[in-house]
Amino acid sequence: MFACRCNEIRSRIILQNCIRRDCNETIIASNLGYDISIQQLEECYTDGVVSKEDFAAALRAHQDAVDVRISPQREAAAKFIAAQGSI
């Protein structure tokens, strides 16, 4: 009975560590601007795996990454490339 209980506790600890590691990788992906990772991170936050501060920091970093992606130079380049393709 005791050995079974120890294995159950060990399995729970391993599972919690895996979930925490996955959420940390999701934070890194959201910092790079991936939209799906923000949705996954929100699930981690509602499950209580990620703290409010970590979630807020990831949201700010995600927004910064998206803002960098949407710049006037990139929009001009996209229009130029689209115009070149229609010739």
Foldseek 3Di string as FASTA:
>chain_A
DVVVVVVVVVVVVVVLVVVLVVLVVLLVVLLQQDPVSLVVNVVCVVVPSDDPVSNVVSVVSNVVNVVVVDDPVNVVVVVVVVVVVVD
